[in-house]
Amino acid sequence: MPAPVRRSGLQQEVVNLYRQCFRAARLKPEANRPHFHAFIRMQFRKHSDVKQRDFSTIEYLLRIGKRQLDTYSSPGIQDVTV
């Protein structure tokens, strides 16, 4: 078995946010889940060009992502458009 990947604290925060987003999407209506999955992937890929050492930008994007997660986790939000 290969050794586990070692990640910095910030990298782990990004991975955790990504997982939380997909977990929150599981609570949405089944017909709309693919829209949420596409939206999540699009948001993360949009910022995939941020340098690994650009800590302030990564922290800023994490704050925005957590706010979006709180917003889209709301039971009133049933669908998103990509």
PDB file of N, CA and C in Angstrom:
ATOM      1  N   MET A   1       0.840  -1.174   0.000  1.00  0.00           N
ATOM      2  CA  MET A   1       0.000   0.000   0.000  1.00  0.00           C
ATOM      3  C   MET A   1       0.888   1.241   0.000  1.00  0.00           C
ATOM      4  N   PRO A   2       0.595   2.220  -0.865  1.00  0.00           N
ATOM      5  CA  PRO A   2       1.436   3.423  -0.928  1.00  0.00           C
ATOM      6  C   PRO A   2       1.297   4.262   0.345  1.00  0.00           C
ATOM      7  N   ALA A   3       2.336   5.020   0.614  1.00  0.00           N
ATOM      8  CA  ALA A   3       2.321   5.890   1.791  1.00  0.00           C
ATOM      9  C   ALA A   3       1.246   6.963   1.617  1.00  0.00           C
ATOM     10  N   PRO A   4       0.591   7.376   2.710  1.00  0.00           N
ATOM     11  CA  PRO A   4      -0.432   8.421   2.602  1.00  0.00           C
ATOM     12  C   PRO A   4       0.183   9.745   2.162  1.00  0.00           C
ATOM     13  N   VAL A   5      -0.591  10.514   1.452  1.00  0.00           N
ATOM     14  CA  VAL A   5      -0.128  11.811   0.964  1.00  0.00           C
ATOM     15  C   VAL A   5      -0.029  12.774   2.139  1.00  0.00           C
ATOM     16  N   ARG A   6       1.100  13.451   2.235  1.00  0.00           N
ATOM     17  CA  ARG A   6       1.281  14.442   3.296  1.00  0.00           C
ATOM     18  C   ARG A   6       0.865  15.794   2.744  1.00  0.00           C
ATOM     19  N   ARG A   7      -0.031  16.449   3.460  1.00  0.00           N
ATOM     20  CA  ARG A   7      -0.518  17.757   3.022  1.00  0.00           C
ATOM     21  C   ARG A   7      -0.254  18.780   4.116  1.00  0.00           C
ATOM     22  N   SER A   8      -0.063  20.025   3.682  1.00  0.00           N
ATOM     23  CA  SER A   8       0.059  21.110   4.654  1.00  0.00           C
ATOM     24  C   SER A   8      -1.313  21.374   5.255  1.00  0.00           C
ATOM     25  N   GLY A   9      -1.356  22.168   6.293  1.00  0.00           N
ATOM     26  CA  GLY A   9      -2.627  22.496   6.935  1.00  0.00           C
ATOM     27  C   GLY A   9      -3.591  23.182   5.988  1.00  0.00           C
ATOM     28  N   LEU A  10      -3.068  24.084   5.177  1.00  0.00           N
ATOM     29  CA  LEU A  10      -3.901  24.819   4.229  1.00  0.00           C
ATOM     30  C   LEU A  10      -4.429  23.893   3.135  1.00  0.00           C
ATOM     31  N   GLN A  11      -3.577  23.004   2.650  1.00  0.00           N
ATOM     32  CA  GLN A  11      -4.013  22.038   1.639  1.00  0.00           C
ATOM     33  C   GLN A  11      -5.125  21.156   2.205  1.00  0.00           C
ATOM     34  N   GLN A  12      -4.975  20.742   3.447  1.00  0.00           N
ATOM     35  CA  GLN A  12      -5.986  19.894   4.075  1.00  0.00           C
ATOM     36  C   GLN A  12      -7.301  20.651   4.232  1.00  0.00           C
ATOM     37  N   GLU A  13      -7.229  21.944   4.528  1.00  0.00           N
ATOM     38  CA  GLU A  13      -8.445  22.755   4.631  1.00  0.00           C
ATOM     39  C   GLU A  13      -9.184  22.804   3.302  1.00  0.00           C
ATOM     40  N   VAL A  14      -8.439  22.940   2.213  1.00  0.00           N
ATOM     41  CA  VAL A  14      -9.056  22.987   0.882  1.00  0.00           C
ATOM     42  C   VAL A  14      -9.731  21.650   0.572  1.00  0.00           C
ATOM     43  N   VAL A  15      -9.043  20.553   0.850  1.00  0.00           N
ATOM     44  CA  VAL A  15      -9.611  19.222   0.604  1.00  0.00           C
ATOM     45  C   VAL A  15     -10.852  19.018   1.467  1.00  0.00           C
ATOM     46  N   ASN A  16     -10.796  19.444   2.722  1.00  0.00           N
ATOM     47  CA  ASN A  16     -11.948  19.297   3.611  1.00  0.00           C
ATOM     48  C   ASN A  16     -13.146  20.111   3.124  1.00  0.00           C
ATOM     49  N   LEU A  17     -12.897  21.331   2.648  1.00  0.00           N
ATOM     50  CA  LEU A  17     -13.982  22.148   2.112  1.00  0.00           C
ATOM     51  C   LEU A  17     -14.610  21.475   0.896  1.00  0.00           C
ATOM     52  N   TYR A  18     -13.772  20.925   0.022  1.00  0.00           N
ATOM     53  CA  TYR A  18     -14.260  20.220  -1.172  1.00  0.00           C
ATOM     54  C   TYR A  18     -15.171  19.057  -0.763  1.00  0.00           C
ATOM     55  N   ARG A  19     -14.745  18.292   0.215  1.00  0.00           N
ATOM     56  CA  ARG A  19     -15.552  17.159   0.685  1.00  0.00           C
ATOM     57  C   ARG A  19     -16.847  17.623   1.339  1.00  0.00           C
ATOM     58  N   GLN A  20     -16.764  18.680   2.129  1.00  0.00           N
ATOM     59  CA  GLN A  20     -17.965  19.210   2.776  1.00  0.00           C
ATOM     60  C   GLN A  20     -18.993  19.661   1.743  1.00  0.00           C
ATOM     61  N   CYS A  21     -18.513  20.247   0.665  1.00  0.00           N
ATOM     62  CA  CYS A  21     -19.421  20.704  -0.393  1.00  0.00           C
ATOM     63  C   CYS A  21     -20.170  19.519  -1.000  1.00  0.00           C
ATOM     64  N   PHE A  22     -19.465  18.441  -1.265  1.00  0.00           N
ATOM     65  CA  PHE A  22     -20.122  17.269  -1.849  1.00  0.00           C
ATOM     66  C   PHE A  22     -21.051  16.590  -0.839  1.00  0.00           C
ATOM     67  N   ARG A  23     -20.691  16.638   0.434  1.00  0.00           N
ATOM     68  CA  ARG A  23     -21.592  16.085   1.452  1.00  0.00           C
ATOM     69  C   ARG A  23     -22.874  16.907   1.530  1.00  0.00           C
ATOM     70  N   ALA A  24     -22.743  18.225   1.442  1.00  0.00           N
ATOM     71  CA  ALA A  24     -23.922  19.094   1.476  1.00  0.00           C
ATOM     72  C   ALA A  24     -24.794  18.857   0.242  1.00  0.00           C
ATOM     73  N   ALA A  25     -24.169  18.558  -0.885  1.00  0.00           N
ATOM     74  CA  ALA A  25     -24.937  18.306  -2.120  1.00  0.00           C
ATOM     75  C   ALA A  25     -25.785  17.050  -1.987  1.00  0.00           C
ATOM     76  N   ARG A  26     -25.356  16.114  -1.145  1.00  0.00           N
ATOM     77  CA  ARG A  26     -26.137  14.891  -0.933  1.00  0.00           C
ATOM     78  C   ARG A  26     -27.480  15.162  -0.269  1.00  0.00           C
ATOM     79  N   LEU A  27     -27.605  16.310   0.381  1.00  0.00           N
ATOM     80  CA  LEU A  27     -28.845  16.654   1.068  1.00  0.00           C
ATOM     81  C   LEU A  27     -29.855  17.333   0.144  1.00  0.00           C
ATOM     82  N   LYS A  28     -29.449  17.615  -1.070  1.00  0.00           N
ATOM     83  CA  LYS A  28     -30.321  18.273  -2.043  1.00  0.00           C
ATOM     84  C   LYS A  28     -31.141  17.232  -2.799  1.00  0.00           C
ATOM     85  N   PRO A  29     -32.219  17.672  -3.472  1.00  0.00           N
ATOM     86  CA  PRO A  29     -33.023  16.709  -4.238  1.00  0.00           C
ATOM     87  C   PRO A  29     -32.165  15.961  -5.253  1.00  0.00           C
ATOM     88  N   GLU A  30     -32.444  14.684  -5.397  1.00  0.00           N
ATOM     89  CA  GLU A  30     -31.618  13.821  -6.248  1.00  0.00           C
ATOM     90  C   GLU A  30     -31.518  14.328  -7.682  1.00  0.00           C
ATOM     91  N   ALA A  31     -32.589  14.890  -8.199  1.00  0.00           N
ATOM     92  CA  ALA A  31     -32.592  15.378  -9.582  1.00  0.00           C
ATOM     93  C   ALA A  31     -31.649  16.569  -9.765  1.00  0.00           C
ATOM     94  N   ASN A  32     -31.399  17.314  -8.693  1.00  0.00           N
ATOM     95  CA  ASN A  32     -30.573  18.524  -8.785  1.00  0.00           C
ATOM     96  C   ASN A  32     -29.119  18.305  -8.369  1.00  0.00           C
ATOM     97  N   ARG A  33     -28.803  17.158  -7.849  1.00  0.00           N
ATOM     98  CA  ARG A  33     -27.434  16.902  -7.376  1.00  0.00           C
ATOM     99  C   ARG A  33     -26.377  17.067  -8.464  1.00  0.00           C
ATOM    100  N   PRO A  34     -26.627  16.595  -9.701  1.00  0.00           N
ATOM    101  CA  PRO A  34     -25.604  16.813 -10.736  1.00  0.00           C
ATOM    102  C   PRO A  34     -25.298  18.292 -10.971  1.00  0.00           C
ATOM    103  N   HIS A  35     -26.300  19.159 -10.788  1.00  0.00           N
ATOM    104  CA  HIS A  35     -26.064  20.603 -10.939  1.00  0.00           C
ATOM    105  C   HIS A  35     -25.124  21.098  -9.846  1.00  0.00           C
ATOM    106  N   PHE A  36     -25.360  20.634  -8.620  1.00  0.00           N
ATOM    107  CA  PHE A  36     -24.495  21.030  -7.510  1.00  0.00           C
ATOM    108  C   PHE A  36     -23.078  20.493  -7.708  1.00  0.00           C
ATOM    109  N   HIS A  37     -22.965  19.239  -8.159  1.00  0.00           N
ATOM    110  CA  HIS A  37     -21.636  18.652  -8.387  1.00  0.00           C
ATOM    111  C   HIS A  37     -20.872  19.436  -9.446  1.00  0.00           C
ATOM    112  N   ALA A  38     -21.545  19.783 -10.533  1.00  0.00           N
ATOM    113  CA  ALA A  38     -20.896  20.558 -11.600  1.00  0.00           C
ATOM    114  C   ALA A  38     -20.492  21.937 -11.083  1.00  0.00           C
ATOM    115  N   PHE A  39     -21.348  22.556 -10.280  1.00  0.00           N
ATOM    116  CA  PHE A  39     -21.056  23.884  -9.730  1.00  0.00           C
ATOM    117  C   PHE A  39     -19.841  23.831  -8.811  1.00  0.00           C
ATOM    118  N   ILE A  40     -19.783  22.824  -7.957  1.00  0.00           N
ATOM    119  CA  ILE A  40     -18.654  22.673  -7.026  1.00  0.00           C
ATOM    120  C   ILE A  40     -17.352  22.505  -7.803  1.00  0.00           C
ATOM    121  N   ARG A  41     -17.357  21.605  -8.768  1.00  0.00           N
ATOM    122  CA  ARG A  41     -16.140  21.371  -9.562  1.00  0.00           C
ATOM    123  C   ARG A  41     -15.723  22.629 -10.308  1.00  0.00           C
ATOM    124  N   MET A  42     -16.702  23.339 -10.872  1.00  0.00           N
ATOM    125  CA  MET A  42     -16.400  24.557 -11.622  1.00  0.00           C
ATOM    126  C   MET A  42     -15.751  25.601 -10.719  1.00  0.00           C
ATOM    127  N   GLN A  43     -16.291  25.768  -9.501  1.00  0.00           N
ATOM    128  CA  GLN A  43     -15.745  26.763  -8.581  1.00  0.00           C
ATOM    129  C   GLN A  43     -14.309  26.433  -8.176  1.00  0.00           C
ATOM    130  N   PHE A  44     -14.035  25.168  -7.911  1.00  0.00           N
ATOM    131  CA  PHE A  44     -12.674  24.793  -7.516  1.00  0.00           C
ATOM    132  C   PHE A  44     -11.715  24.877  -8.703  1.00  0.00           C
ATOM    133  N   ARG A  45     -12.148  24.471  -9.865  1.00  0.00           N
ATOM    134  CA  ARG A  45     -11.265  24.527 -11.049  1.00  0.00           C
ATOM    135  C   ARG A  45     -10.991  25.953 -11.483  1.00  0.00           C
ATOM    136  N   LYS A  46     -11.952  26.844 -11.247  1.00  0.00           N
ATOM    137  CA  LYS A  46     -11.785  28.245 -11.632  1.00  0.00           C
ATOM    138  C   LYS A  46     -10.563  28.855 -10.946  1.00  0.00           C
ATOM    139  N   HIS A  47     -10.261  28.362  -9.763  1.00  0.00           N
ATOM    140  CA  HIS A  47      -9.140  28.915  -8.988  1.00  0.00           C
ATOM    141  C   HIS A  47      -7.977  27.936  -8.868  1.00  0.00           C
ATOM    142  N   SER A  48      -7.919  26.967  -9.749  1.00  0.00           N
ATOM    143  CA  SER A  48      -6.854  25.965  -9.667  1.00  0.00           C
ATOM    144  C   SER A  48      -5.489  26.526 -10.059  1.00  0.00           C
ATOM    145  N   ASP A  49      -5.465  27.716 -10.649  1.00  0.00           N
ATOM    146  CA  ASP A  49      -4.193  28.312 -11.064  1.00  0.00           C
ATOM    147  C   ASP A  49      -3.522  29.108  -9.940  1.00  0.00           C
ATOM    148  N   VAL A  50      -4.136  29.184  -8.774  1.00  0.00           N
ATOM    149  CA  VAL A  50      -3.539  29.900  -7.645  1.00  0.00           C
ATOM    150  C   VAL A  50      -2.295  29.143  -7.190  1.00  0.00           C
ATOM    151  N   LYS A  51      -1.224  29.872  -7.016  1.00  0.00           N
ATOM    152  CA  LYS A  51       0.041  29.258  -6.614  1.00  0.00           C
ATOM    153  C   LYS A  51      -0.056  28.676  -5.206  1.00  0.00           C
ATOM    154  N   GLN A  52       0.621  27.575  -4.993  1.00  0.00           N
ATOM    155  CA  GLN A  52       0.587  26.867  -3.717  1.00  0.00           C
ATOM    156  C   GLN A  52       1.128  27.727  -2.574  1.00  0.00           C
ATOM    157  N   ARG A  53       2.004  28.641  -2.873  1.00  0.00           N
ATOM    158  CA  ARG A  53       2.617  29.498  -1.847  1.00  0.00           C
ATOM    159  C   ARG A  53       1.882  30.827  -1.653  1.00  0.00           C
ATOM    160  N   ASP A  54       0.792  31.042  -2.383  1.00  0.00           N
ATOM    161  CA  ASP A  54       0.030  32.290  -2.268  1.00  0.00           C
ATOM    162  C   ASP A  54      -0.990  32.136  -1.142  1.00  0.00           C
ATOM    163  N   PHE A  55      -0.488  32.167   0.098  1.00  0.00           N
ATOM    164  CA  PHE A  55      -1.290  31.854   1.267  1.00  0.00           C
ATOM    165  C   PHE A  55      -2.460  32.804   1.463  1.00  0.00           C
ATOM    166  N   SER A  56      -2.240  34.097   1.268  1.00  0.00           N
ATOM    167  CA  SER A  56      -3.317  35.060   1.518  1.00  0.00           C
ATOM    168  C   SER A  56      -4.478  34.839   0.548  1.00  0.00           C
ATOM    169  N   THR A  57      -4.178  34.560  -0.710  1.00  0.00           N
ATOM    170  CA  THR A  57      -5.237  34.305  -1.689  1.00  0.00           C
ATOM    171  C   THR A  57      -5.980  33.018  -1.355  1.00  0.00           C
ATOM    172  N   ILE A  58      -5.246  31.987  -0.967  1.00  0.00           N
ATOM    173  CA  ILE A  58      -5.885  30.708  -0.622  1.00  0.00           C
ATOM    174  C   ILE A  58      -6.785  30.881   0.593  1.00  0.00           C
ATOM    175  N   GLU A  59      -6.310  31.600   1.609  1.00  0.00           N
ATOM    176  CA  GLU A  59      -7.131  31.833   2.798  1.00  0.00           C
ATOM    177  C   GLU A  59      -8.382  32.635   2.451  1.00  0.00           C
ATOM    178  N   TYR A  60      -8.229  33.627   1.584  1.00  0.00           N
ATOM    179  CA  TYR A  60      -9.369  34.433   1.137  1.00  0.00           C
ATOM    180  C   TYR A  60     -10.386  33.551   0.404  1.00  0.00           C
ATOM    181  N   LEU A  61      -9.910  32.709  -0.502  1.00  0.00           N
ATOM    182  CA  LEU A  61     -10.807  31.828  -1.251  1.00  0.00           C
ATOM    183  C   LEU A  61     -11.476  30.802  -0.336  1.00  0.00           C
ATOM    184  N   LEU A  62     -10.769  30.341   0.684  1.00  0.00           N
ATOM    185  CA  LEU A  62     -11.370  29.431   1.658  1.00  0.00           C
ATOM    186  C   LEU A  62     -12.515  30.114   2.409  1.00  0.00           C
ATOM    187  N   ARG A  63     -12.305  31.371   2.802  1.00  0.00           N
ATOM    188  CA  ARG A  63     -13.373  32.101   3.495  1.00  0.00           C
ATOM    189  C   ARG A  63     -14.595  32.259   2.595  1.00  0.00           C
ATOM    190  N   ILE A  64     -14.363  32.611   1.337  1.00  0.00           N
ATOM    191  CA  ILE A  64     -15.470  32.750   0.390  1.00  0.00           C
ATOM    192  C   ILE A  64     -16.163  31.407   0.197  1.00  0.00           C
ATOM    193  N   GLY A  65     -15.385  30.353   0.054  1.00  0.00           N
ATOM    194  CA  GLY A  65     -15.948  29.022  -0.146  1.00  0.00           C
ATOM    195  C   GLY A  65     -16.794  28.574   1.028  1.00  0.00           C
ATOM    196  N   LYS A  66     -16.333  28.844   2.237  1.00  0.00           N
ATOM    197  CA  LYS A  66     -17.100  28.457   3.431  1.00  0.00           C
ATOM    198  C   LYS A  66     -18.402  29.243   3.505  1.00  0.00           C
ATOM    199  N   ARG A  67     -18.348  30.526   3.131  1.00  0.00           N
ATOM    200  CA  ARG A  67     -19.569  31.333   3.109  1.00  0.00           C
ATOM    201  C   ARG A  67     -20.554  30.796   2.073  1.00  0.00           C
ATOM    202  N   GLN A  68     -20.032  30.436   0.886  1.00  0.00           N
ATOM    203  CA  GLN A  68     -20.897  29.865  -0.145  1.00  0.00           C
ATOM    204  C   GLN A  68     -21.485  28.538   0.308  1.00  0.00           C
ATOM    205  N   LEU A  69     -20.684  27.733   0.981  1.00  0.00           N
ATOM    206  CA  LEU A  69     -21.173  26.451   1.491  1.00  0.00           C
ATOM    207  C   LEU A  69     -22.321  26.679   2.461  1.00  0.00           C
ATOM    208  N   ASP A  70     -22.178  27.648   3.370  1.00  0.00           N
ATOM    209  CA  ASP A  70     -23.257  27.956   4.308  1.00  0.00           C
ATOM    210  C   ASP A  70     -24.519  28.394   3.565  1.00  0.00           C
ATOM    211  N   THR A  71     -24.334  29.224   2.552  1.00  0.00           N
ATOM    212  CA  THR A  71     -25.478  29.717   1.779  1.00  0.00           C
ATOM    213  C   THR A  71     -26.168  28.587   1.040  1.00  0.00           C
ATOM    214  N   TYR A  72     -25.404  27.787   0.320  1.00  0.00           N
ATOM    215  CA  TYR A  72     -26.001  26.737  -0.504  1.00  0.00           C
ATOM    216  C   TYR A  72     -26.450  25.533   0.315  1.00  0.00           C
ATOM    217  N   SER A  73     -26.020  25.426   1.561  1.00  0.00           N
ATOM    218  CA  SER A  73     -26.467  24.340   2.426  1.00  0.00           C
ATOM    219  C   SER A  73     -27.865  24.618   2.968  1.00  0.00           C
ATOM    220  N   SER A  74     -28.310  25.834   2.839  1.00  0.00           N
ATOM    221  CA  SER A  74     -29.633  26.209   3.327  1.00  0.00           C
ATOM    222  C   SER A  74     -30.716  25.356   2.681  1.00  0.00           C
ATOM    223  N   PRO A  75     -31.686  24.882   3.464  1.00  0.00           N
ATOM    224  CA  PRO A  75     -32.752  24.056   2.904  1.00  0.00           C
ATOM    225  C   PRO A  75     -33.576  24.773   1.830  1.00  0.00           C
ATOM    226  N   GLY A  76     -33.573  26.099   1.862  1.00  0.00           N
ATOM    227  CA  GLY A  76     -34.336  26.874   0.873  1.00  0.00           C
ATOM    228  C   GLY A  76     -33.725  26.835  -0.514  1.00  0.00           C
ATOM    229  N   ILE A  77     -32.445  26.552  -0.612  1.00  0.00           N
ATOM    230  CA  ILE A  77     -31.757  26.473  -1.902  1.00  0.00           C
ATOM    231  C   ILE A  77     -31.927  25.049  -2.417  1.00  0.00           C
ATOM    232  N   GLN A  78     -32.643  24.896  -3.508  1.00  0.00           N
ATOM    233  CA  GLN A  78     -32.930  23.567  -4.059  1.00  0.00           C
ATOM    234  C   GLN A  78     -32.127  23.260  -5.308  1.00  0.00           C
ATOM    235  N   ASP A  79     -31.626  24.312  -6.003  1.00  0.00           N
ATOM    236  CA  ASP A  79     -30.922  24.081  -7.266  1.00  0.00           C
ATOM    237  C   ASP A  79     -29.970  25.224  -7.546  1.00  0.00           C
ATOM    238  N   VAL A  80     -28.960  24.965  -8.351  1.00  0.00           N
ATOM    239  CA  VAL A  80     -28.043  25.993  -8.821  1.00  0.00           C
ATOM    240  C   VAL A  80     -27.928  25.863 -10.326  1.00  0.00           C
ATOM    241  N   THR A  81     -27.571  26.955 -10.955  1.00  0.00           N
ATOM    242  CA  THR A  81     -27.333  26.906 -12.395  1.00  0.00           C
ATOM    243  C   THR A  81     -25.853  27.154 -12.636  1.00  0.00           C
ATOM    244  N   VAL A  82     -25.314  26.458 -13.580  1.00  0.00           N
ATOM    245  CA  VAL A  82     -23.874  26.540 -13.865  1.00  0.00           C
ATOM    246  C   VAL A  82     -23.631  27.517 -14.979  1.00  0.00           C
TER     247      VAL A  82
END
